[in-house]
Amino acid sequence: VQERCDARVQETMSWLDEAEGQCRETKTEETEE
């Protein structure tokens, strides 16, 4: 999942808009930590 959360992947797979939301949540948790 982290790989898909990659900013580059998000740009390449713009159709993962929905997944982007989940990725953001996961990334935020890791960033906060």
C-alpha atoms as a PDB file:
ATOM      1  CA  VAL A   1       0.000   0.000   0.000  1.00  0.00           C
ATOM      2  CA  GLN A   2       2.841   2.416   0.838  1.00  0.00           C
ATOM      3  CA  GLU A   3       4.170   2.009  -2.704  1.00  0.00           C
ATOM      4  CA  ARG A   4       0.800   3.056  -4.159  1.00  0.00           C
ATOM      5  CA  CYS A   5       0.793   6.014  -1.778  1.00  0.00           C
ATOM      6  CA  ASP A   6       3.944   7.263  -3.464  1.00  0.00           C
ATOM      7  CA  ALA A   7       3.330  10.796  -4.737  1.00  0.00           C
ATOM      8  CA  ARG A   8       4.701   9.769  -8.145  1.00  0.00           C
ATOM      9  CA  VAL A   9       2.297   6.853  -8.314  1.00  0.00           C
ATOM     10  CA  GLN A  10      -0.589   9.161  -7.389  1.00  0.00           C
ATOM     11  CA  GLU A  11       0.306  11.483 -10.277  1.00  0.00           C
ATOM     12  CA  THR A  12       0.661   8.562 -12.677  1.00  0.00           C
ATOM     13  CA  MET A  13      -2.503   6.850 -11.438  1.00  0.00           C
ATOM     14  CA  SER A  14      -4.812   9.830 -11.050  1.00  0.00           C
ATOM     15  CA  TRP A  15      -7.691   7.333 -11.266  1.00  0.00           C
ATOM     16  CA  LEU A  16      -6.709   6.244  -7.749  1.00  0.00           C
ATOM     17  CA  ASP A  17      -8.345   9.413  -6.393  1.00  0.00           C
ATOM     18  CA  GLU A  18     -10.346   7.320  -3.927  1.00  0.00           C
ATOM     19  CA  ALA A  19      -7.264   5.373  -2.863  1.00  0.00           C
ATOM     20  CA  GLU A  20      -5.412   8.667  -2.549  1.00  0.00           C
ATOM     21  CA  GLY A  21      -7.672   9.566   0.385  1.00  0.00           C
ATOM     22  CA  GLN A  22      -6.719   6.343   2.186  1.00  0.00           C
ATOM     23  CA  CYS A  23      -3.067   6.837   1.272  1.00  0.00           C
ATOM     24  CA  ARG A  24      -3.180  10.328   2.741  1.00  0.00           C
ATOM     25  CA  GLU A  25      -4.621   9.020   5.992  1.00  0.00           C
ATOM     26  CA  THR A  26      -1.947   6.321   6.226  1.00  0.00           C
ATOM     27  CA  LYS A  27       0.836   8.744   5.293  1.00  0.00           C
ATOM     28  CA  THR A  28      -0.400  11.282   7.863  1.00  0.00           C
ATOM     29  CA  GLU A  29      -0.247   8.661  10.611  1.00  0.00           C
ATOM     30  CA  GLU A  30       3.320   7.762   9.676  1.00  0.00           C
ATOM     31  CA  THR A  31       4.303  11.431   9.329  1.00  0.00           C
ATOM     32  CA  GLU A  32       2.851  12.324  12.720  1.00  0.00           C
ATOM     33  CA  GLU A  33       4.787   9.460  14.258  1.00  0.00           C
END
